[in-house]
Amino acid sequence: MLHCANQFPSHFWDSDSPQAGALGCRGGHHWLIEGNTIRFAKSLGLDCGSEGEEDADGLHQPEPKYSGYHRILSNTISDNGAGGLAASHALETYIIGNTFERNNSMGHTAPESAALKTHFFIRGRIEGNLFRDNECYGIWCDNVYVDVRITRNVLLNNRDAGIFMEMGGGPALIDNNIVAMTRGASTGWHNGSGFFAHDAGGFTLAHNLFVANADYGILVRQEDERRYMVYPASTLSWEGQPSETRPCLPEHIQIVNNVVLDNHRGAVSFPLPGPEADQNRCDGNLYTRGDLDFVPFVVNSHHGVRAVETRDLILARIADSQQPDAQVPLPYSRGPLVAFAQWRSVGFDPHGAVGAYAANVRALDLSLTVGTGPLPGELVCKLIPGVTQDIFGRTLPDNPLPGPFQMIGESPVALTLWPMPCATDDISAQPADMLPHAPPPPIATGSALARLPD
């Protein structure tokens, strides 16, 4: 499917510019989209949710009741003018084994440009996809994500951020992904970080590899006073509105068992613990930089806490920790810049470590050479609920290694990143309860979707 002259979906949620791809599900449900090539659309390649305030027909049709329950498998979505795939209000949609390359070829800087962007994404899964050379975010989950898993994806040489979470409270599990060589835009806080989140919480980052990104490996911060709508994970349709909203805060976040390696600006920038950054945990991560002497971290200020106050609080916690090697934080425009000992004194990574780890990622042939030195004795990684395998499907031991690989050692190991074993192979063999919450009747075709429950 090539050369569709569709419009850029600016403010599609309250304007007459619908979110419409070259291929569009038009607010439908239970579509199987498999093995297609979608290229050179002027705007979006594929939309698989609601089209927004104004439907593409211009008939003021009501919001669809059951948009979602799609399976989007093994497609190539590339070279589209704005974004690759957009899904607003897509219930229980699985996006697996696809290739997203060179999207946002027209260089849009307004919102809605990502290789894969979601709004109101509930019980969704993004697994085993390749995101390479996109002139935009790789994955962007915006404005409500509930019971979402982002796993086993390879994200190389994308712009702005590899994975971006915004305006939600989760839960979301982001595990066993490789995010490398993210490039920066001209301005903005999200200037090339591997993972970026603002005004967002309730997510777990576990067993990922963040390497050679232009900004931070991981950047989480608070920017605005906004509220998100609370949907339960058991939501079956879009009828009615949620009865509750909550403030968008960087809280209930876990950053665990990741490898964060050679990112240009620093390893992690994370909010200072406090009332508006509550119940956050950062532990069991392995950090390294070429010289290993100084791996920079930033403890950024969040809403209501100024940078100078953040520095004073860090100084007080360093004093309380009585660590003789915890030096005074360095001044920095984004928040106090600290070394690993100071990072620990704030309460982060009691079982994390700085150690030897090497990863040479080659985007052109989609390969990687990786190896470790002797792992520091203080590094302790524990199993994370819901994460039972590494990126290649190997079962995790009780004391797993950090990062997405469980078979590496001190000698370098050459790995092929793509294609990788992928869950698309057994989607059609799933039992009849694959979609236990799907209330609409099945599509009467010969595909696997015909066997879904009513």
Protein backbone atom coordinates (compact mmCIF):
# COMPACT_ATOMS: atom_id res chain seq x y z
CA MET A 1 0.00 0.00 0.00
CA LEU A 2 1.74 3.13 -1.24
CA HIS A 3 1.38 6.88 -1.77
CA CYS A 4 -1.75 7.76 0.19
CA ALA A 5 -2.39 11.53 0.38
CA ASN A 6 -3.77 11.63 3.91
CA GLN A 7 -3.62 14.62 6.26
CA PHE A 8 -1.45 15.24 9.32
CA PRO A 9 -3.66 14.48 12.36
CA SER A 10 -3.06 17.71 14.26
CA HIS A 11 -5.20 17.74 17.45
CA PHE A 12 -7.25 14.90 16.03
CA TRP A 13 -9.04 14.52 19.38
CA ASP A 14 -10.83 17.88 19.04
CA SER A 15 -10.47 18.99 15.42
CA ASP A 16 -11.58 18.07 11.90
CA SER A 17 -8.26 16.32 11.13
CA PRO A 18 -8.97 12.63 11.81
CA GLN A 19 -6.29 10.13 12.72
CA ALA A 20 -6.46 8.20 9.45
CA GLY A 21 -3.79 5.98 7.94
CA ALA A 22 -3.27 4.65 4.44
CA LEU A 23 -4.78 1.51 5.94
CA GLY A 24 -7.39 2.31 8.57
CA CYS A 25 -9.49 0.12 10.83
CA ARG A 26 -12.02 3.00 10.91
CA GLY A 27 -12.92 2.44 14.55
CA GLY A 28 -13.48 -1.28 13.95
CA HIS A 29 -12.58 -4.27 16.06
CA HIS A 30 -11.08 -7.75 15.69
CA TRP A 31 -8.96 -7.06 12.61
CA LEU A 32 -6.06 -9.32 11.65
CA ILE A 33 -3.46 -7.25 9.75
CA GLU A 34 -0.57 -9.49 8.75
CA GLY A 35 2.28 -9.51 6.26
CA ASN A 36 1.60 -6.16 4.56
CA THR A 37 3.95 -3.45 3.35
CA ILE A 38 2.66 0.10 4.03
CA ARG A 39 4.89 2.88 2.71
CA PHE A 40 5.05 6.49 1.51
CA ALA A 41 1.78 7.72 2.99
CA LYS A 42 1.84 11.49 3.30
CA SER A 43 0.88 11.21 6.99
CA LEU A 44 0.18 7.95 8.88
CA GLY A 45 0.79 4.47 7.56
CA LEU A 46 -1.76 2.59 9.70
CA ASP A 47 -4.45 3.60 12.20
CA CYS A 48 -6.10 0.94 14.30
CA GLY A 49 -8.31 2.77 16.78
CA SER A 50 -10.77 5.61 16.93
CA GLU A 51 -10.26 8.41 14.41
CA GLY A 52 -10.91 11.26 16.83
CA GLU A 53 -13.44 14.05 17.21
CA GLU A 54 -14.20 14.10 13.48
CA ASP A 55 -14.45 10.78 11.65
CA ALA A 56 -12.86 10.44 8.23
CA ASP A 57 -16.29 10.43 6.55
CA GLY A 58 -17.14 13.81 8.02
CA LEU A 59 -20.53 12.50 9.16
CA HIS A 60 -20.17 13.25 12.90
CA GLN A 61 -20.53 9.59 13.73
CA PRO A 62 -20.39 8.65 17.42
CA GLU A 63 -17.31 7.28 19.12
CA PRO A 64 -17.11 3.54 18.32
CA LYS A 65 -17.97 1.28 21.23
CA TYR A 66 -15.55 -1.60 20.66
CA SER A 67 -12.52 -0.25 18.81
CA GLY A 68 -9.55 -2.55 19.27
CA TYR A 69 -8.97 -6.27 19.82
CA HIS A 70 -6.66 -6.28 16.78
CA ARG A 71 -3.68 -8.47 15.89
CA ILE A 72 -1.06 -6.58 13.87
CA LEU A 73 1.64 -9.07 12.88
CA SER A 74 4.76 -9.12 10.69
CA ASN A 75 4.10 -5.98 8.66
CA THR A 76 6.64 -3.53 7.23
CA ILE A 77 5.60 0.08 7.91
CA SER A 78 8.17 2.51 6.55
CA ASP A 79 8.91 5.86 4.92
CA ASN A 80 5.61 7.47 5.91
CA GLY A 81 5.46 11.25 6.13
CA ALA A 82 4.41 11.58 9.78
CA GLY A 83 4.08 8.34 11.72
CA GLY A 84 4.01 4.61 11.20
CA LEU A 85 1.16 3.26 13.34
CA ALA A 86 -1.31 5.22 15.48
CA ALA A 87 -3.87 3.70 17.83
CA SER A 88 -6.26 5.77 19.92
CA HIS A 89 -8.75 3.76 22.01
CA ALA A 90 -7.45 0.35 21.00
CA LEU A 91 -8.50 -2.25 23.53
CA GLU A 92 -6.44 -5.43 23.89
CA THR A 93 -4.46 -4.91 20.69
CA TYR A 94 -1.25 -6.88 20.05
CA ILE A 95 1.45 -5.37 17.80
CA ILE A 96 4.03 -8.11 17.22
CA GLY A 97 6.92 -8.82 14.86
CA ASN A 98 6.64 -5.71 12.69
CA THR A 99 9.35 -3.53 11.14
CA PHE A 100 9.10 0.27 11.49
CA GLU A 101 11.72 2.24 9.55
CA ARG A 102 12.30 5.83 8.37
CA ASN A 103 8.90 7.15 9.43
CA ASN A 104 8.28 10.90 9.84
CA SER A 105 10.16 11.38 6.60
CA MET A 106 8.68 14.90 6.32
CA GLY A 107 10.28 15.89 9.62
CA HIS A 108 7.20 17.00 11.56
CA THR A 109 7.96 18.42 15.00
CA ALA A 110 4.34 18.80 16.15
CA PRO A 111 2.88 16.02 18.34
CA GLU A 112 1.58 12.72 16.89
CA SER A 113 4.79 11.72 15.10
CA ALA A 114 6.13 8.36 16.23
CA ALA A 115 6.88 5.06 14.57
CA LEU A 116 4.20 3.66 16.92
CA LYS A 117 1.94 5.92 18.98
CA THR A 118 -0.94 4.96 21.27
CA HIS A 119 -3.61 6.78 23.27
CA PHE A 120 -5.94 4.99 25.70
CA PHE A 121 -4.06 1.72 25.27
CA ILE A 122 -5.56 -0.94 27.58
CA ARG A 123 -4.34 -4.55 27.87
CA GLY A 124 -2.06 -4.01 24.90
CA ARG A 125 1.20 -5.69 23.94
CA ILE A 126 4.07 -4.39 21.81
CA GLU A 127 6.47 -7.27 21.28
CA GLY A 128 9.35 -8.32 19.07
CA ASN A 129 9.28 -5.35 16.71
CA LEU A 130 12.17 -3.58 14.98
CA PHE A 131 12.27 0.24 15.11
CA ARG A 132 15.14 1.61 13.07
CA ASP A 133 16.14 5.00 11.60
CA ASN A 134 12.83 6.73 12.36
CA GLU A 135 12.91 10.55 12.41
CA CYS A 136 10.73 10.50 15.51
CA TYR A 137 10.10 8.54 18.69
CA GLY A 138 10.24 4.79 18.33
CA ILE A 139 7.38 3.91 20.74
CA TRP A 140 5.21 6.62 22.34
CA CYS A 141 2.45 5.62 24.79
CA ASP A 142 0.49 8.80 25.52
CA ASN A 143 -2.52 9.69 27.64
CA VAL A 144 -3.55 6.50 29.41
CA TYR A 145 -1.78 3.14 29.31
CA VAL A 146 -3.20 0.36 31.44
CA ASP A 147 -1.94 -3.23 31.73
CA VAL A 148 0.48 -2.71 28.83
CA ARG A 149 3.61 -4.71 28.08
CA ILE A 150 6.45 -3.53 25.83
CA THR A 151 8.90 -6.39 25.46
CA ARG A 152 11.68 -7.81 23.24
CA ASN A 153 11.79 -4.85 20.86
CA VAL A 154 14.94 -3.56 19.12
CA LEU A 155 15.10 0.23 18.78
CA LEU A 156 18.10 1.64 16.89
CA ASN A 157 18.98 5.12 15.66
CA ASN A 158 15.59 6.72 16.21
CA ARG A 159 15.17 10.43 16.97
CA ASP A 160 14.05 12.16 20.20
CA ALA A 161 13.62 9.04 22.38
CA GLY A 162 13.54 5.32 21.86
CA ILE A 163 10.58 4.68 24.21
CA PHE A 164 8.42 7.54 25.54
CA MET A 165 5.74 7.23 28.23
CA GLU A 166 3.46 10.20 28.90
CA MET A 167 0.40 11.11 30.94
CA GLY A 168 -0.63 7.93 32.71
CA GLY A 169 -0.40 5.85 35.84
CA GLY A 170 -0.01 2.35 34.42
CA PRO A 171 0.58 -0.36 35.09
CA ALA A 172 3.05 -0.98 32.28
CA LEU A 173 5.90 -3.50 32.06
CA ILE A 174 8.79 -2.53 29.76
CA ASP A 175 11.29 -5.39 29.66
CA ASN A 176 14.00 -7.04 27.57
CA ASN A 177 14.28 -4.24 25.01
CA ILE A 178 17.47 -2.98 23.32
CA VAL A 179 17.56 0.81 22.84
CA ALA A 180 20.68 2.15 21.17
CA MET A 181 22.02 5.19 19.33
CA THR A 182 18.96 7.40 19.83
CA ARG A 183 19.58 10.79 18.26
CA GLY A 184 18.67 14.18 19.67
CA ALA A 185 16.36 16.82 18.27
CA SER A 186 17.32 20.49 18.30
CA THR A 187 15.55 21.40 21.54
CA GLY A 188 13.71 19.84 24.44
CA TRP A 189 14.32 17.68 27.47
CA HIS A 190 13.83 14.55 25.40
CA ASN A 191 16.92 15.26 23.36
CA GLY A 192 17.99 11.73 22.48
CA SER A 193 17.38 9.62 25.60
CA GLY A 194 16.92 5.87 25.30
CA PHE A 195 13.88 5.98 27.60
CA PHE A 196 11.96 9.16 28.40
CA ALA A 197 8.92 9.70 30.61
CA HIS A 198 7.26 12.88 31.75
CA ASP A 199 4.08 13.33 33.75
CA ALA A 200 3.89 9.55 33.89
CA GLY A 201 4.22 6.78 36.43
CA GLY A 202 3.21 3.24 37.27
CA PHE A 203 5.72 1.54 34.97
CA THR A 204 8.51 -0.99 35.48
CA LEU A 205 11.72 -0.91 33.41
CA ALA A 206 13.42 -4.29 33.78
CA HIS A 207 16.23 -6.16 31.99
CA ASN A 208 16.65 -3.59 29.21
CA LEU A 209 19.89 -2.49 27.52
CA PHE A 210 20.33 1.25 26.97
CA VAL A 211 23.55 1.91 25.08
CA ALA A 212 25.15 4.84 23.22
CA ASN A 213 22.13 7.15 23.32
CA ALA A 214 22.78 10.86 22.74
CA ASP A 215 21.26 12.07 26.02
CA TYR A 216 20.54 9.87 29.05
CA GLY A 217 20.00 6.17 29.08
CA ILE A 218 16.87 6.77 31.21
CA LEU A 219 15.21 10.15 31.82
CA VAL A 220 12.12 10.56 34.02
CA ARG A 221 10.83 13.96 35.09
CA GLN A 222 7.76 16.01 35.92
CA GLU A 223 6.85 18.87 33.58
CA ASP A 224 3.20 19.94 33.81
CA GLU A 225 0.18 19.89 36.08
CA ARG A 226 -2.08 17.52 34.21
CA ARG A 227 -4.51 14.77 35.12
CA TYR A 228 -5.22 11.47 33.42
CA MET A 229 -8.46 9.49 33.27
CA VAL A 230 -8.51 6.28 35.27
CA TYR A 231 -9.67 3.20 33.37
CA PRO A 232 -9.71 -0.21 35.08
CA ALA A 233 -7.79 -3.01 33.38
CA SER A 234 -11.11 -4.86 33.00
CA THR A 235 -12.54 -2.16 30.68
CA LEU A 236 -14.53 -3.91 27.93
CA SER A 237 -15.76 -1.04 25.78
CA TRP A 238 -15.57 2.75 25.44
CA GLU A 239 -19.12 3.41 26.54
CA GLY A 240 -19.35 6.02 29.27
CA GLN A 241 -16.51 7.98 30.82
CA PRO A 242 -14.22 7.15 33.70
CA SER A 243 -15.52 8.55 36.97
CA GLU A 244 -12.09 9.49 38.32
CA THR A 245 -9.02 11.44 37.30
CA ARG A 246 -5.63 11.51 38.98
CA PRO A 247 -2.65 13.85 38.73
CA CYS A 248 0.11 12.81 36.33
CA LEU A 249 3.03 12.22 38.69
CA PRO A 250 6.37 10.35 38.43
CA GLU A 251 5.49 7.80 41.09
CA HIS A 252 5.22 4.01 41.50
CA ILE A 253 8.16 3.54 39.13
CA GLN A 254 10.64 0.64 39.19
CA ILE A 255 13.96 0.77 37.30
CA VAL A 256 15.50 -2.64 37.95
CA ASN A 257 18.07 -5.06 36.47
CA ASN A 258 18.93 -2.90 33.46
CA VAL A 259 22.31 -2.32 31.79
CA VAL A 260 22.93 1.38 31.14
CA LEU A 261 26.08 1.82 29.09
CA ASP A 262 27.96 4.72 27.49
CA ASN A 263 25.09 7.19 27.15
CA HIS A 264 26.44 10.62 26.31
CA ARG A 265 24.73 12.92 28.86
CA GLY A 266 24.56 10.43 31.69
CA ALA A 267 23.16 7.16 32.93
CA VAL A 268 19.90 8.10 34.67
CA SER A 269 18.10 11.36 35.44
CA PHE A 270 15.38 10.67 38.01
CA PRO A 271 13.23 12.78 40.35
CA LEU A 272 14.24 13.28 43.95
CA PRO A 273 12.06 11.09 46.19
CA GLY A 274 9.24 13.07 47.75
CA PRO A 275 5.47 13.44 48.10
CA GLU A 276 5.02 13.88 44.33
CA ALA A 277 7.57 11.23 43.38
CA ASP A 278 6.49 8.51 45.77
CA GLN A 279 7.21 4.77 45.95
CA ASN A 280 9.91 4.78 43.30
CA ARG A 281 12.65 2.15 43.23
CA CYS A 282 15.90 2.03 41.30
CA ASP A 283 18.00 -1.05 42.05
CA GLY A 284 20.02 -3.94 40.63
CA ASN A 285 21.20 -1.96 37.59
CA LEU A 286 24.66 -2.20 36.07
CA TYR A 287 26.19 1.07 34.90
CA THR A 288 29.35 1.65 32.97
CA ARG A 289 31.20 4.22 30.95
CA GLY A 290 34.41 3.95 29.03
CA ASP A 291 36.74 5.07 31.81
CA LEU A 292 34.56 3.71 34.68
CA ASP A 293 35.79 6.53 36.95
CA PHE A 294 32.75 8.77 36.80
CA VAL A 295 29.37 7.62 35.63
CA PRO A 296 27.14 10.71 35.87
CA PHE A 297 23.64 10.69 37.33
CA VAL A 298 21.21 13.58 37.73
CA VAL A 299 18.69 13.93 40.55
CA ASN A 300 16.22 16.30 38.94
CA SER A 301 13.68 18.51 40.62
CA HIS A 302 10.02 17.72 40.27
CA HIS A 303 6.95 19.91 40.54
CA GLY A 304 7.14 22.20 43.56
CA VAL A 305 10.83 21.48 44.31
CA ARG A 306 13.42 23.90 42.92
CA ALA A 307 16.83 22.73 41.78
CA VAL A 308 18.61 24.52 44.66
CA GLU A 309 16.31 22.80 47.16
CA THR A 310 17.04 19.47 45.50
CA ARG A 311 20.77 20.05 45.95
CA ASP A 312 20.32 20.95 49.63
CA LEU A 313 18.25 17.81 50.23
CA ILE A 314 20.90 15.66 48.55
CA LEU A 315 23.61 17.23 50.71
CA ALA A 316 21.58 16.40 53.82
CA ARG A 317 21.10 12.79 52.73
CA ILE A 318 24.79 12.44 51.87
CA ALA A 319 25.65 13.68 55.36
CA ASP A 320 23.21 11.22 56.91
CA SER A 321 24.68 8.35 54.89
CA GLN A 322 28.16 8.99 56.34
CA GLN A 323 29.81 7.85 53.13
CA PRO A 324 33.34 9.27 53.10
CA ASP A 325 33.59 9.08 49.29
CA ALA A 326 30.29 10.88 48.66
CA GLN A 327 31.38 14.21 47.23
CA VAL A 328 29.38 17.42 46.94
CA PRO A 329 27.01 17.37 43.94
CA LEU A 330 28.15 19.36 40.94
CA PRO A 331 25.93 22.23 39.76
CA TYR A 332 24.09 21.48 36.53
CA SER A 333 21.18 23.19 34.80
CA ARG A 334 19.00 20.05 34.86
CA GLY A 335 19.57 19.26 38.53
CA PRO A 336 22.48 18.28 40.78
CA LEU A 337 25.00 16.08 38.99
CA VAL A 338 26.17 13.21 41.18
CA ALA A 339 28.51 10.23 41.06
CA PHE A 340 27.44 6.69 41.91
CA ALA A 341 28.27 6.97 45.65
CA GLN A 342 26.07 10.05 45.92
CA TRP A 343 23.36 8.35 43.86
CA ARG A 344 23.33 5.58 46.45
CA SER A 345 23.21 8.03 49.35
CA VAL A 346 19.95 9.42 47.98
CA GLY A 347 18.52 5.90 48.25
CA PHE A 348 18.97 4.55 44.73
CA ASP A 349 20.67 1.30 43.68
CA PRO A 350 21.66 -0.22 47.04
CA HIS A 351 22.32 -3.44 45.09
CA GLY A 352 23.37 -1.82 41.81
CA ALA A 353 26.96 -1.37 40.66
CA VAL A 354 29.37 0.25 38.27
CA GLY A 355 31.29 -2.41 36.40
CA ALA A 356 32.68 -3.66 33.12
CA TYR A 357 30.28 -4.35 30.26
CA ALA A 358 30.80 -3.86 26.54
CA ALA A 359 28.22 -3.76 23.76
CA ASN A 360 28.96 -2.94 20.14
CA VAL A 361 25.65 -2.47 18.29
CA ARG A 362 25.66 -2.42 14.48
CA ALA A 363 22.44 -0.99 13.10
CA LEU A 364 23.15 -1.83 9.45
CA ASP A 365 23.42 -5.59 9.85
CA LEU A 366 21.33 -5.73 13.07
CA SER A 367 23.97 -7.46 15.10
CA LEU A 368 25.62 -6.94 18.46
CA THR A 369 28.77 -8.09 20.19
CA VAL A 370 28.47 -8.11 23.96
CA GLY A 371 30.54 -9.23 26.91
CA THR A 372 31.25 -8.47 30.55
CA GLY A 373 34.17 -8.38 32.86
CA PRO A 374 33.85 -9.94 36.31
CA LEU A 375 30.56 -8.63 37.69
CA PRO A 376 30.87 -6.65 40.93
CA GLY A 377 30.01 -8.63 44.04
CA GLU A 378 27.60 -5.95 45.28
CA LEU A 379 25.42 -6.32 42.17
CA VAL A 380 22.30 -8.28 43.08
CA CYS A 381 19.44 -8.84 40.62
CA LYS A 382 16.21 -10.45 41.75
CA LEU A 383 13.40 -11.85 39.63
CA ILE A 384 10.75 -9.32 38.67
CA PRO A 385 7.09 -10.42 38.66
CA GLY A 386 5.95 -11.03 35.10
CA VAL A 387 9.46 -11.31 33.61
CA THR A 388 10.33 -14.99 33.23
CA GLN A 389 12.46 -15.03 30.04
CA ASP A 390 15.20 -13.01 28.37
CA ILE A 391 14.97 -11.39 24.96
CA PHE A 392 15.65 -14.72 23.18
CA GLY A 393 13.17 -16.71 25.26
CA ARG A 394 15.66 -18.26 27.69
CA THR A 395 14.21 -18.89 31.17
CA LEU A 396 15.59 -16.54 33.81
CA PRO A 397 17.39 -18.16 36.75
CA ASP A 398 16.61 -17.20 40.33
CA ASN A 399 19.56 -14.79 40.33
CA PRO A 400 19.45 -13.38 36.79
CA LEU A 401 22.03 -11.24 35.04
CA PRO A 402 21.13 -7.60 34.39
CA GLY A 403 20.07 -6.67 30.89
CA PRO A 404 18.23 -8.67 28.22
CA PHE A 405 20.74 -11.54 27.77
CA GLN A 406 21.27 -14.48 30.09
CA MET A 407 24.01 -16.36 28.22
CA ILE A 408 26.83 -13.81 28.07
CA GLY A 409 30.12 -14.04 29.93
CA GLU A 410 33.51 -12.38 30.09
CA SER A 411 34.36 -13.39 26.51
CA PRO A 412 32.58 -11.39 23.78
CA VAL A 413 29.55 -13.08 22.25
CA ALA A 414 28.21 -12.18 18.77
CA LEU A 415 24.42 -12.01 18.55
CA THR A 416 21.94 -11.44 15.74
CA LEU A 417 19.24 -9.00 16.83
CA TRP A 418 16.87 -9.43 13.92
CA PRO A 419 15.04 -11.47 13.00
CA MET A 420 14.59 -12.97 16.44
CA PRO A 421 12.27 -15.72 17.70
CA CYS A 422 8.92 -14.03 17.84
CA ALA A 423 5.49 -14.69 19.33
CA THR A 424 3.76 -14.27 15.94
CA ASP A 425 4.47 -17.93 15.23
CA ASP A 426 2.01 -19.16 17.83
CA ILE A 427 -0.61 -16.39 17.82
CA SER A 428 -2.86 -18.43 15.52
CA ALA A 429 -2.43 -21.44 17.78
CA GLN A 430 -3.70 -19.66 20.87
CA PRO A 431 -6.64 -21.31 22.66
CA ALA A 432 -10.16 -19.99 22.34
CA ASP A 433 -9.76 -17.79 25.42
CA MET A 434 -7.00 -15.72 23.82
CA LEU A 435 -9.24 -12.68 24.19
CA PRO A 436 -11.18 -13.42 27.38
CA HIS A 437 -12.60 -9.92 27.62
CA ALA A 438 -13.73 -9.48 24.03
CA PRO A 439 -17.51 -9.00 24.00
CA PRO A 440 -18.18 -8.46 20.25
CA PRO A 441 -18.92 -11.50 18.07
CA PRO A 442 -16.01 -12.97 16.08
CA ILE A 443 -15.36 -12.13 12.47
CA ALA A 444 -16.71 -14.90 10.22
CA THR A 445 -13.51 -15.74 8.34
CA GLY A 446 -11.16 -18.67 8.23
CA SER A 447 -8.52 -16.91 10.33
CA ALA A 448 -7.60 -17.47 13.97
CA LEU A 449 -9.87 -14.58 14.90
CA ALA A 450 -12.90 -16.61 13.89
CA ARG A 451 -12.28 -18.82 16.90
CA LEU A 452 -12.53 -16.01 19.44
CA PRO A 453 -15.37 -16.08 21.98
CA ASP A 454 -18.50 -13.99 21.66
